[in-house]
Amino acid sequence: MAITLCFADDSTLLTTNAHDMNVLLACVNSYCQWAGVQINMEKTEVTGYDYKHQCPLDLSILQLGNGKPKIVMPWDPVKYLGVHFTITGDLTFERDYVRMKRFTPSSS
């Protein structure tokens, strides 16, 4: 199963295993070659979690063109559409970020 979520220039690809993600990344790479666009590998991140066994997925096989995306551990936050969260549903990082922004005096 593969799902894609896209908004402007942000995309999220969801699969249930690393093999399917590699297939999806190959499709993205083919499209990019056809369209003449490039993926910013510095901003490309992947994360994976086996909910049944409660452990990270091995994502070392993932390839996007000639590069490898940055692997983010499931307990580390990612930022999507301005919100910080973990793949396991932890919004602590977003809460802390909002609190820090709220209580930090702006430099005007």
PDB file of N, CA and C in Angstrom:
ATOM      1  N   MET A   1       0.846  -1.178   0.000  1.00  0.00           N
ATOM      2  CA  MET A   1       0.000   0.000   0.000  1.00  0.00           C
ATOM      3  C   MET A   1       0.888   1.237   0.000  1.00  0.00           C
ATOM      4  N   ALA A   2       0.554   2.207  -0.825  1.00  0.00           N
ATOM      5  CA  ALA A   2       1.290   3.463  -0.878  1.00  0.00           C
ATOM      6  C   ALA A   2       0.304   4.619  -0.919  1.00  0.00           C
ATOM      7  N   ILE A   3       0.629   5.652  -0.178  1.00  0.00           N
ATOM      8  CA  ILE A   3      -0.205   6.855  -0.127  1.00  0.00           C
ATOM      9  C   ILE A   3       0.715   8.051  -0.307  1.00  0.00           C
ATOM     10  N   THR A   4       0.255   9.057  -1.045  1.00  0.00           N
ATOM     11  CA  THR A   4       1.028  10.286  -1.175  1.00  0.00           C
ATOM     12  C   THR A   4       0.175  11.461  -0.705  1.00  0.00           C
ATOM     13  N   LEU A   5       0.813  12.352   0.028  1.00  0.00           N
ATOM     14  CA  LEU A   5       0.187  13.598   0.468  1.00  0.00           C
ATOM     15  C   LEU A   5       1.035  14.723  -0.084  1.00  0.00           C
ATOM     16  N   CYS A   6       0.433  15.629  -0.827  1.00  0.00           N
ATOM     17  CA  CYS A   6       1.197  16.712  -1.435  1.00  0.00           C
ATOM     18  C   CYS A   6       0.522  18.045  -1.166  1.00  0.00           C
ATOM     19  N   PHE A   7       1.338  19.053  -0.878  1.00  0.00           N
ATOM     20  CA  PHE A   7       0.859  20.421  -0.708  1.00  0.00           C
ATOM     21  C   PHE A   7       1.960  21.340  -1.186  1.00  0.00           C
ATOM     22  N   ALA A   8       1.676  22.105  -2.225  1.00  0.00           N
ATOM     23  CA  ALA A   8       2.667  23.003  -2.831  1.00  0.00           C
ATOM     24  C   ALA A   8       3.926  22.198  -3.162  1.00  0.00           C
ATOM     25  N   ASP A   9       5.062  22.554  -2.530  1.00  0.00           N
ATOM     26  CA  ASP A   9       6.295  21.824  -2.845  1.00  0.00           C
ATOM     27  C   ASP A   9       6.674  20.819  -1.765  1.00  0.00           C
ATOM     28  N   ASP A  10       5.745  20.507  -0.871  1.00  0.00           N
ATOM     29  CA  ASP A  10       5.971  19.475   0.153  1.00  0.00           C
ATOM     30  C   ASP A  10       5.234  18.200  -0.242  1.00  0.00           C
ATOM     31  N   SER A  11       5.919  17.086  -0.108  1.00  0.00           N
ATOM     32  CA  SER A  11       5.304  15.794  -0.391  1.00  0.00           C
ATOM     33  C   SER A  11       5.616  14.833   0.738  1.00  0.00           C
ATOM     34  N   THR A  12       4.650  14.005   1.055  1.00  0.00           N
ATOM     35  CA  THR A  12       4.844  12.938   2.027  1.00  0.00           C
ATOM     36  C   THR A  12       4.415  11.645   1.367  1.00  0.00           C
ATOM     37  N   LEU A  13       5.297  10.654   1.430  1.00  0.00           N
ATOM     38  CA  LEU A  13       5.022   9.350   0.853  1.00  0.00           C
ATOM     39  C   LEU A  13       4.870   8.367   2.004  1.00  0.00           C
ATOM     40  N   LEU A  14       3.794   7.617   2.021  1.00  0.00           N
ATOM     41  CA  LEU A  14       3.531   6.670   3.096  1.00  0.00           C
ATOM     42  C   LEU A  14       3.426   5.262   2.537  1.00  0.00           C
ATOM     43  N   THR A  15       4.157   4.336   3.137  1.00  0.00           N
ATOM     44  CA  THR A  15       4.062   2.924   2.780  1.00  0.00           C
ATOM     45  C   THR A  15       4.132   2.105   4.066  1.00  0.00           C
ATOM     46  N   THR A  16       3.928   0.813   3.936  1.00  0.00           N
ATOM     47  CA  THR A  16       3.952  -0.048   5.119  1.00  0.00           C
ATOM     48  C   THR A  16       5.281  -0.762   5.315  1.00  0.00           C
ATOM     49  N   ASN A  17       6.223  -0.614   4.360  1.00  0.00           N
ATOM     50  CA  ASN A  17       7.530  -1.257   4.511  1.00  0.00           C
ATOM     51  C   ASN A  17       8.565  -0.561   3.630  1.00  0.00           C
ATOM     52  N   ALA A  18       9.836  -0.838   3.904  1.00  0.00           N
ATOM     53  CA  ALA A  18      10.933  -0.174   3.198  1.00  0.00           C
ATOM     54  C   ALA A  18      10.980  -0.548   1.716  1.00  0.00           C
ATOM     55  N   HIS A  19      10.660  -1.788   1.377  1.00  0.00           N
ATOM     56  CA  HIS A  19      10.677  -2.202  -0.031  1.00  0.00           C
ATOM     57  C   HIS A  19       9.678  -1.368  -0.845  1.00  0.00           C
ATOM     58  N   ASP A  20       8.455  -1.237  -0.345  1.00  0.00           N
ATOM     59  CA  ASP A  20       7.447  -0.438  -1.059  1.00  0.00           C
ATOM     60  C   ASP A  20       7.863   1.028  -1.159  1.00  0.00           C
ATOM     61  N   MET A  21       8.544   1.535  -0.120  1.00  0.00           N
ATOM     62  CA  MET A  21       9.017   2.917  -0.175  1.00  0.00           C
ATOM     63  C   MET A  21      10.071   3.058  -1.261  1.00  0.00           C
ATOM     64  N   ASN A  22      10.943   2.078  -1.407  1.00  0.00           N
ATOM     65  CA  ASN A  22      11.961   2.141  -2.456  1.00  0.00           C
ATOM     66  C   ASN A  22      11.312   2.155  -3.836  1.00  0.00           C
ATOM     67  N   VAL A  23      10.251   1.371  -4.019  1.00  0.00           N
ATOM     68  CA  VAL A  23       9.511   1.367  -5.283  1.00  0.00           C
ATOM     69  C   VAL A  23       8.909   2.752  -5.536  1.00  0.00           C
ATOM     70  N   LEU A  24       8.320   3.342  -4.509  1.00  0.00           N
ATOM     71  CA  LEU A  24       7.718   4.669  -4.636  1.00  0.00           C
ATOM     72  C   LEU A  24       8.783   5.723  -4.936  1.00  0.00           C
ATOM     73  N   LEU A  25       9.929   5.630  -4.282  1.00  0.00           N
ATOM     74  CA  LEU A  25      11.019   6.572  -4.553  1.00  0.00           C
ATOM     75  C   LEU A  25      11.531   6.434  -5.979  1.00  0.00           C
ATOM     76  N   ALA A  26      11.549   5.222  -6.508  1.00  0.00           N
ATOM     77  CA  ALA A  26      11.956   5.017  -7.906  1.00  0.00           C
ATOM     78  C   ALA A  26      10.966   5.691  -8.852  1.00  0.00           C
ATOM     79  N   CYS A  27       9.678   5.640  -8.514  1.00  0.00           N
ATOM     80  CA  CYS A  27       8.654   6.328  -9.324  1.00  0.00           C
ATOM     81  C   CYS A  27       8.862   7.839  -9.275  1.00  0.00           C
ATOM     82  N   VAL A  28       9.141   8.358  -8.100  1.00  0.00           N
ATOM     83  CA  VAL A  28       9.408   9.796  -7.955  1.00  0.00           C
ATOM     84  C   VAL A  28      10.628  10.180  -8.777  1.00  0.00           C
ATOM     85  N   ASN A  29      11.672   9.376  -8.706  1.00  0.00           N
ATOM     86  CA  ASN A  29      12.884   9.662  -9.470  1.00  0.00           C
ATOM     87  C   ASN A  29      12.606   9.645 -10.972  1.00  0.00           C
ATOM     88  N   SER A  30      11.847   8.680 -11.448  1.00  0.00           N
ATOM     89  CA  SER A  30      11.496   8.618 -12.876  1.00  0.00           C
ATOM     90  C   SER A  30      10.729   9.861 -13.303  1.00  0.00           C
ATOM     91  N   TYR A  31       9.782  10.276 -12.474  1.00  0.00           N
ATOM     92  CA  TYR A  31       9.018  11.476 -12.798  1.00  0.00           C
ATOM     93  C   TYR A  31       9.937  12.699 -12.849  1.00  0.00           C
ATOM     94  N   CYS A  32      10.835  12.818 -11.876  1.00  0.00           N
ATOM     95  CA  CYS A  32      11.740  13.969 -11.839  1.00  0.00           C
ATOM     96  C   CYS A  32      12.623  14.018 -13.079  1.00  0.00           C
ATOM     97  N   GLN A  33      13.106  12.863 -13.512  1.00  0.00           N
ATOM     98  CA  GLN A  33      13.916  12.819 -14.730  1.00  0.00           C
ATOM     99  C   GLN A  33      13.085  13.245 -15.933  1.00  0.00           C
ATOM    100  N   TRP A  34      11.866  12.760 -16.008  1.00  0.00           N
ATOM    101  CA  TRP A  34      10.982  13.109 -17.122  1.00  0.00           C
ATOM    102  C   TRP A  34      10.667  14.601 -17.123  1.00  0.00           C
ATOM    103  N   ALA A  35      10.375  15.159 -15.937  1.00  0.00           N
ATOM    104  CA  ALA A  35       9.959  16.562 -15.824  1.00  0.00           C
ATOM    105  C   ALA A  35      11.134  17.531 -15.792  1.00  0.00           C
ATOM    106  N   GLY A  36      12.352  17.013 -15.612  1.00  0.00           N
ATOM    107  CA  GLY A  36      13.520  17.891 -15.563  1.00  0.00           C
ATOM    108  C   GLY A  36      13.645  18.647 -14.246  1.00  0.00           C
ATOM    109  N   VAL A  37      13.153  18.065 -13.169  1.00  0.00           N
ATOM    110  CA  VAL A  37      13.264  18.697 -11.848  1.00  0.00           C
ATOM    111  C   VAL A  37      14.154  17.847 -10.952  1.00  0.00           C
ATOM    112  N   GLN A  38      14.660  18.464  -9.894  1.00  0.00           N
ATOM    113  CA  GLN A  38      15.528  17.747  -8.975  1.00  0.00           C
ATOM    114  C   GLN A  38      14.954  17.802  -7.562  1.00  0.00           C
ATOM    115  N   ILE A  39      15.170  16.734  -6.822  1.00  0.00           N
ATOM    116  CA  ILE A  39      14.789  16.669  -5.418  1.00  0.00           C
ATOM    117  C   ILE A  39      15.932  17.277  -4.608  1.00  0.00           C
ATOM    118  N   ASN A  40      15.593  18.129  -3.638  1.00  0.00           N
ATOM    119  CA  ASN A  40      16.597  18.686  -2.739  1.00  0.00           C
ATOM    120  C   ASN A  40      16.908  17.629  -1.680  1.00  0.00           C
ATOM    121  N   MET A  41      18.012  16.908  -1.863  1.00  0.00           N
ATOM    122  CA  MET A  41      18.352  15.816  -0.956  1.00  0.00           C
ATOM    123  C   MET A  41      18.692  16.318   0.447  1.00  0.00           C
ATOM    124  N   GLU A  42      19.098  17.583   0.583  1.00  0.00           N
ATOM    125  CA  GLU A  42      19.374  18.128   1.908  1.00  0.00           C
ATOM    126  C   GLU A  42      18.098  18.259   2.737  1.00  0.00           C
ATOM    127  N   LYS A  43      16.955  18.347   2.070  1.00  0.00           N
ATOM    128  CA  LYS A  43      15.684  18.489   2.776  1.00  0.00           C
ATOM    129  C   LYS A  43      14.848  17.209   2.735  1.00  0.00           C
ATOM    130  N   THR A  44      15.403  16.147   2.165  1.00  0.00           N
ATOM    131  CA  THR A  44      14.666  14.894   2.022  1.00  0.00           C
ATOM    132  C   THR A  44      14.950  13.996   3.221  1.00  0.00           C
ATOM    133  N   GLU A  45      13.873  13.638   3.924  1.00  0.00           N
ATOM    134  CA  GLU A  45      13.992  12.811   5.127  1.00  0.00           C
ATOM    135  C   GLU A  45      13.039  11.628   5.041  1.00  0.00           C
ATOM    136  N   VAL A  46      13.451  10.517   5.626  1.00  0.00           N
ATOM    137  CA  VAL A  46      12.592   9.340   5.719  1.00  0.00           C
ATOM    138  C   VAL A  46      12.609   8.841   7.156  1.00  0.00           C
ATOM    139  N   THR A  47      11.517   8.246   7.554  1.00  0.00           N
ATOM    140  CA  THR A  47      11.432   7.629   8.864  1.00  0.00           C
ATOM    141  C   THR A  47      10.523   6.416   8.750  1.00  0.00           C
ATOM    142  N   GLY A  48      10.739   5.453   9.588  1.00  0.00           N
ATOM    143  CA  GLY A  48       9.915   4.245   9.541  1.00  0.00           C
ATOM    144  C   GLY A  48       9.831   3.582  10.889  1.00  0.00           C
ATOM    145  N   TYR A  49       8.687   2.981  11.165  1.00  0.00           N
ATOM    146  CA  TYR A  49       8.450   2.369  12.468  1.00  0.00           C
ATOM    147  C   TYR A  49       7.589   1.130  12.308  1.00  0.00           C
ATOM    148  N   ASP A  50       8.005   0.048  12.933  1.00  0.00           N
ATOM    149  CA  ASP A  50       7.230  -1.189  12.964  1.00  0.00           C
ATOM    150  C   ASP A  50       6.372  -1.133  14.229  1.00  0.00           C
ATOM    151  N   TYR A  51       5.098  -0.800  14.068  1.00  0.00           N
ATOM    152  CA  TYR A  51       4.212  -0.632  15.223  1.00  0.00           C
ATOM    153  C   TYR A  51       3.945  -1.955  15.943  1.00  0.00           C
ATOM    154  N   LYS A  52       3.946  -3.051  15.203  1.00  0.00           N
ATOM    155  CA  LYS A  52       3.695  -4.359  15.812  1.00  0.00           C
ATOM    156  C   LYS A  52       4.814  -4.734  16.788  1.00  0.00           C
ATOM    157  N   HIS A  53       6.064  -4.544  16.346  1.00  0.00           N
ATOM    158  CA  HIS A  53       7.212  -4.909  17.171  1.00  0.00           C
ATOM    159  C   HIS A  53       7.804  -3.722  17.927  1.00  0.00           C
ATOM    160  N   GLN A  54       7.244  -2.540  17.716  1.00  0.00           N
ATOM    161  CA  GLN A  54       7.666  -1.297  18.374  1.00  0.00           C
ATOM    162  C   GLN A  54       9.164  -1.043  18.235  1.00  0.00           C
ATOM    163  N   CYS A  55       9.604  -1.021  16.971  1.00  0.00           N
ATOM    164  CA  CYS A  55      11.012  -0.742  16.702  1.00  0.00           C
ATOM    165  C   CYS A  55      11.136  -0.033  15.351  1.00  0.00           C
ATOM    166  N   PRO A  56      12.250   0.676  15.144  1.00  0.00           N
ATOM    167  CA  PRO A  56      12.460   1.357  13.858  1.00  0.00           C
ATOM    168  C   PRO A  56      12.619   0.360  12.722  1.00  0.00           C
ATOM    169  N   LEU A  57      12.194   0.769  11.533  1.00  0.00           N
ATOM    170  CA  LEU A  57      12.432  -0.041  10.335  1.00  0.00           C
ATOM    171  C   LEU A  57      13.854   0.193   9.835  1.00  0.00           C
ATOM    172  N   ASP A  58      14.436  -0.814   9.211  1.00  0.00           N
ATOM    173  CA  ASP A  58      15.739  -0.664   8.575  1.00  0.00           C
ATOM    174  C   ASP A  58      15.509   0.003   7.221  1.00  0.00           C
ATOM    175  N   LEU A  59      15.926   1.243   7.114  1.00  0.00           N
ATOM    176  CA  LEU A  59      15.703   2.014   5.886  1.00  0.00           C
ATOM    177  C   LEU A  59      16.976   2.190   5.077  1.00  0.00           C
ATOM    178  N   SER A  60      18.005   1.427   5.414  1.00  0.00           N
ATOM    179  CA  SER A  60      19.300   1.590   4.749  1.00  0.00           C
ATOM    180  C   SER A  60      19.253   1.248   3.262  1.00  0.00           C
ATOM    181  N   ILE A  61      18.229   0.508   2.817  1.00  0.00           N
ATOM    182  CA  ILE A  61      18.136   0.153   1.391  1.00  0.00           C
ATOM    183  C   ILE A  61      17.576   1.285   0.533  1.00  0.00           C
ATOM    184  N   LEU A  62      17.032   2.320   1.159  1.00  0.00           N
ATOM    185  CA  LEU A  62      16.356   3.366   0.387  1.00  0.00           C
ATOM    186  C   LEU A  62      17.329   4.152  -0.467  1.00  0.00           C
ATOM    187  N   GLN A  63      16.900   4.420  -1.697  1.00  0.00           N
ATOM    188  CA  GLN A  63      17.705   5.121  -2.684  1.00  0.00           C
ATOM    189  C   GLN A  63      16.783   6.050  -3.461  1.00  0.00           C
ATOM    190  N   LEU A  64      17.248   7.262  -3.701  1.00  0.00           N
ATOM    191  CA  LEU A  64      16.505   8.201  -4.538  1.00  0.00           C
ATOM    192  C   LEU A  64      17.460   8.707  -5.597  1.00  0.00           C
ATOM    193  N   GLY A  65      17.339   8.170  -6.802  1.00  0.00           N
ATOM    194  CA  GLY A  65      18.309   8.480  -7.851  1.00  0.00           C
ATOM    195  C   GLY A  65      19.672   7.983  -7.424  1.00  0.00           C
ATOM    196  N   ASN A  66      20.647   8.888  -7.411  1.00  0.00           N
ATOM    197  CA  ASN A  66      22.004   8.522  -6.998  1.00  0.00           C
ATOM    198  C   ASN A  66      22.269   8.829  -5.534  1.00  0.00           C
ATOM    199  N   GLY A  67      21.244   9.279  -4.817  1.00  0.00           N
ATOM    200  CA  GLY A  67      21.446   9.663  -3.426  1.00  0.00           C
ATOM    201  C   GLY A  67      20.636   8.832  -2.456  1.00  0.00           C
ATOM    202  N   LYS A  68      20.947   9.023  -1.196  1.00  0.00           N
ATOM    203  CA  LYS A  68      20.213   8.365  -0.122  1.00  0.00           C
ATOM    204  C   LYS A  68      19.582   9.453   0.741  1.00  0.00           C
ATOM    205  N   PRO A  69      18.295   9.315   1.042  1.00  0.00           N
ATOM    206  CA  PRO A  69      17.658  10.316   1.900  1.00  0.00           C
ATOM    207  C   PRO A  69      18.164  10.205   3.339  1.00  0.00           C
ATOM    208  N   LYS A  70      18.079  11.316   4.050  1.00  0.00           N
ATOM    209  CA  LYS A  70      18.459  11.331   5.469  1.00  0.00           C
ATOM    210  C   LYS A  70      17.445  10.498   6.250  1.00  0.00           C
ATOM    211  N   ILE A  71      17.946   9.590   7.097  1.00  0.00           N
ATOM    212  CA  ILE A  71      17.068   8.755   7.914  1.00  0.00           C
ATOM    213  C   ILE A  71      16.852   9.427   9.266  1.00  0.00           C
ATOM    214  N   VAL A  72      15.590   9.635   9.608  1.00  0.00           N
ATOM    215  CA  VAL A  72      15.205  10.222  10.894  1.00  0.00           C
ATOM    216  C   VAL A  72      14.637   9.095  11.749  1.00  0.00           C
ATOM    217  N   MET A  73      15.140   8.961  12.954  1.00  0.00           N
ATOM    218  CA  MET A  73      14.640   7.914  13.840  1.00  0.00           C
ATOM    219  C   MET A  73      13.196   8.235  14.246  1.00  0.00           C
ATOM    220  N   PRO A  74      12.380   7.224  14.497  1.00  0.00           N
ATOM    221  CA  PRO A  74      10.958   7.443  14.784  1.00  0.00           C
ATOM    222  C   PRO A  74      10.681   8.342  15.990  1.00  0.00           C
ATOM    223  N   TRP A  75      11.609   8.421  16.922  1.00  0.00           N
ATOM    224  CA  TRP A  75      11.399   9.244  18.120  1.00  0.00           C
ATOM    225  C   TRP A  75      11.925  10.657  17.936  1.00  0.00           C
ATOM    226  N   ASP A  76      12.560  10.950  16.795  1.00  0.00           N
ATOM    227  CA  ASP A  76      13.018  12.305  16.487  1.00  0.00           C
ATOM    228  C   ASP A  76      11.957  13.012  15.647  1.00  0.00           C
ATOM    229  N   PRO A  77      11.771  14.303  15.868  1.00  0.00           N
ATOM    230  CA  PRO A  77      10.697  15.007  15.159  1.00  0.00           C
ATOM    231  C   PRO A  77      11.033  15.311  13.712  1.00  0.00           C
ATOM    232  N   VAL A  78      10.001  15.351  12.895  1.00  0.00           N
ATOM    233  CA  VAL A  78      10.073  15.886  11.539  1.00  0.00           C
ATOM    234  C   VAL A  78       9.164  17.103  11.518  1.00  0.00           C
ATOM    235  N   LYS A  79       9.359  17.950  10.540  1.00  0.00           N
ATOM    236  CA  LYS A  79       8.507  19.133  10.400  1.00  0.00           C
ATOM    237  C   LYS A  79       7.778  19.012   9.078  1.00  0.00           C
ATOM    238  N   TYR A  80       6.458  19.009   9.138  1.00  0.00           N
ATOM    239  CA  TYR A  80       5.648  18.935   7.930  1.00  0.00           C
ATOM    240  C   TYR A  80       4.571  20.000   8.008  1.00  0.00           C
ATOM    241  N   LEU A  81       4.521  20.852   7.002  1.00  0.00           N
ATOM    242  CA  LEU A  81       3.577  21.966   6.939  1.00  0.00           C
ATOM    243  C   LEU A  81       3.631  22.798   8.220  1.00  0.00           C
ATOM    244  N   GLY A  82       4.856  22.970   8.744  1.00  0.00           N
ATOM    245  CA  GLY A  82       5.072  23.832   9.892  1.00  0.00           C
ATOM    246  C   GLY A  82       4.840  23.189  11.248  1.00  0.00           C
ATOM    247  N   VAL A  83       4.496  21.907  11.293  1.00  0.00           N
ATOM    248  CA  VAL A  83       4.219  21.237  12.565  1.00  0.00           C
ATOM    249  C   VAL A  83       5.312  20.208  12.847  1.00  0.00           C
ATOM    250  N   HIS A  84       5.845  20.243  14.078  1.00  0.00           N
ATOM    251  CA  HIS A  84       6.876  19.291  14.511  1.00  0.00           C
ATOM    252  C   HIS A  84       6.196  18.112  15.191  1.00  0.00           C
ATOM    253  N   PHE A  85       6.477  16.906  14.716  1.00  0.00           N
ATOM    254  CA  PHE A  85       5.894  15.708  15.327  1.00  0.00           C
ATOM    255  C   PHE A  85       6.766  14.502  15.006  1.00  0.00           C
ATOM    256  N   THR A  86       6.523  13.407  15.718  1.00  0.00           N
ATOM    257  CA  THR A  86       7.228  12.161  15.423  1.00  0.00           C
ATOM    258  C   THR A  86       6.252  11.214  14.734  1.00  0.00           C
ATOM    259  N   ILE A  87       6.793  10.218  14.058  1.00  0.00           N
ATOM    260  CA  ILE A  87       5.952   9.244  13.359  1.00  0.00           C
ATOM    261  C   ILE A  87       5.117   8.434  14.354  1.00  0.00           C
ATOM    262  N   THR A  88       5.561   8.412  15.604  1.00  0.00           N
ATOM    263  CA  THR A  88       4.817   7.683  16.633  1.00  0.00           C
ATOM    264  C   THR A  88       3.713   8.542  17.246  1.00  0.00           C
ATOM    265  N   GLY A  89       3.542   9.769  16.740  1.00  0.00           N
ATOM    266  CA  GLY A  89       2.442  10.623  17.181  1.00  0.00           C
ATOM    267  C   GLY A  89       2.777  11.564  18.319  1.00  0.00           C
ATOM    268  N   ASP A  90       4.042  11.676  18.668  1.00  0.00           N
ATOM    269  CA  ASP A  90       4.456  12.551  19.765  1.00  0.00           C
ATOM    270  C   ASP A  90       4.504  14.004  19.291  1.00  0.00           C
ATOM    271  N   LEU A  91       3.683  14.847  19.900  1.00  0.00           N
ATOM    272  CA  LEU A  91       3.654  16.278  19.564  1.00  0.00           C
ATOM    273  C   LEU A  91       4.373  17.125  20.608  1.00  0.00           C
ATOM    274  N   THR A  92       5.151  16.496  21.490  1.00  0.00           N
ATOM    275  CA  THR A  92       5.878  17.219  22.536  1.00  0.00           C
ATOM    276  C   THR A  92       6.777  18.294  21.940  1.00  0.00           C
ATOM    277  N   PHE A  93       7.443  17.979  20.839  1.00  0.00           N
ATOM    278  CA  PHE A  93       8.358  18.930  20.214  1.00  0.00           C
ATOM    279  C   PHE A  93       7.609  20.158  19.716  1.00  0.00           C
ATOM    280  N   GLU A  94       6.418  19.971  19.157  1.00  0.00           N
ATOM    281  CA  GLU A  94       5.614  21.101  18.693  1.00  0.00           C
ATOM    282  C   GLU A  94       5.155  21.937  19.879  1.00  0.00           C
ATOM    283  N   ARG A  95       4.701  21.273  20.934  1.00  0.00           N
ATOM    284  CA  ARG A  95       4.271  21.999  22.133  1.00  0.00           C
ATOM    285  C   ARG A  95       5.415  22.853  22.676  1.00  0.00           C
ATOM    286  N   ASP A  96       6.599  22.256  22.798  1.00  0.00           N
ATOM    287  CA  ASP A  96       7.754  22.983  23.324  1.00  0.00           C
ATOM    288  C   ASP A  96       8.146  24.132  22.406  1.00  0.00           C
ATOM    289  N   TYR A  97       8.064  23.920  21.104  1.00  0.00           N
ATOM    290  CA  TYR A  97       8.389  24.978  20.135  1.00  0.00           C
ATOM    291  C   TYR A  97       7.419  26.145  20.272  1.00  0.00           C
ATOM    292  N   VAL A  98       6.129  25.838  20.389  1.00  0.00           N
ATOM    293  CA  VAL A  98       5.121  26.897  20.525  1.00  0.00           C
ATOM    294  C   VAL A  98       5.331  27.650  21.831  1.00  0.00           C
ATOM    295  N   ARG A  99       5.588  26.942  22.911  1.00  0.00           N
ATOM    296  CA  ARG A  99       5.837  27.606  24.199  1.00  0.00           C
ATOM    297  C   ARG A  99       7.058  28.509  24.126  1.00  0.00           C
ATOM    298  N   MET A 100       8.123  28.024  23.487  1.00  0.00           N
ATOM    299  CA  MET A 100       9.337  28.826  23.368  1.00  0.00           C
ATOM    300  C   MET A 100       9.065  30.089  22.557  1.00  0.00           C
ATOM    301  N   LYS A 101       8.342  29.953  21.457  1.00  0.00           N
ATOM    302  CA  LYS A 101       8.016  31.112  20.624  1.00  0.00           C
ATOM    303  C   LYS A 101       7.104  32.090  21.366  1.00  0.00           C
ATOM    304  N   ARG A 102       6.177  31.540  22.142  1.00  0.00           N
ATOM    305  CA  ARG A 102       5.211  32.382  22.857  1.00  0.00           C
ATOM    306  C   ARG A 102       5.876  33.206  23.950  1.00  0.00           C
ATOM    307  N   PHE A 103       6.855  32.625  24.621  1.00  0.00           N
ATOM    308  CA  PHE A 103       7.452  33.290  25.756  1.00  0.00           C
ATOM    309  C   PHE A 103       8.803  33.943  25.457  1.00  0.00           C
ATOM    310  N   THR A 104       9.237  33.893  24.210  1.00  0.00           N
ATOM    311  CA  THR A 104      10.459  34.551  23.815  1.00  0.00           C
ATOM    312  C   THR A 104      10.121  35.931  23.275  1.00  0.00           C
ATOM    313  N   PRO A 105      10.669  36.987  23.896  1.00  0.00           N
ATOM    314  CA  PRO A 105      10.374  38.345  23.389  1.00  0.00           C
ATOM    315  C   PRO A 105      10.868  38.502  21.961  1.00  0.00           C
ATOM    316  N   SER A 106      10.037  39.103  21.130  1.00  0.00           N
ATOM    317  CA  SER A 106      10.457  39.331  19.736  1.00  0.00           C
ATOM    318  C   SER A 106      11.401  40.509  19.693  1.00  0.00           C
ATOM    319  N   SER A 107      12.328  40.466  18.741  1.00  0.00           N
ATOM    320  CA  SER A 107      13.284  41.560  18.589  1.00  0.00           C
ATOM    321  C   SER A 107      12.789  42.507  17.512  1.00  0.00           C
ATOM    322  N   SER A 108      12.018  43.484  17.931  1.00  0.00           N
ATOM    323  CA  SER A 108      11.456  44.465  16.974  1.00  0.00           C
ATOM    324  C   SER A 108      12.146  45.783  17.103  1.00  0.00           C
TER     325      SER A 108
END
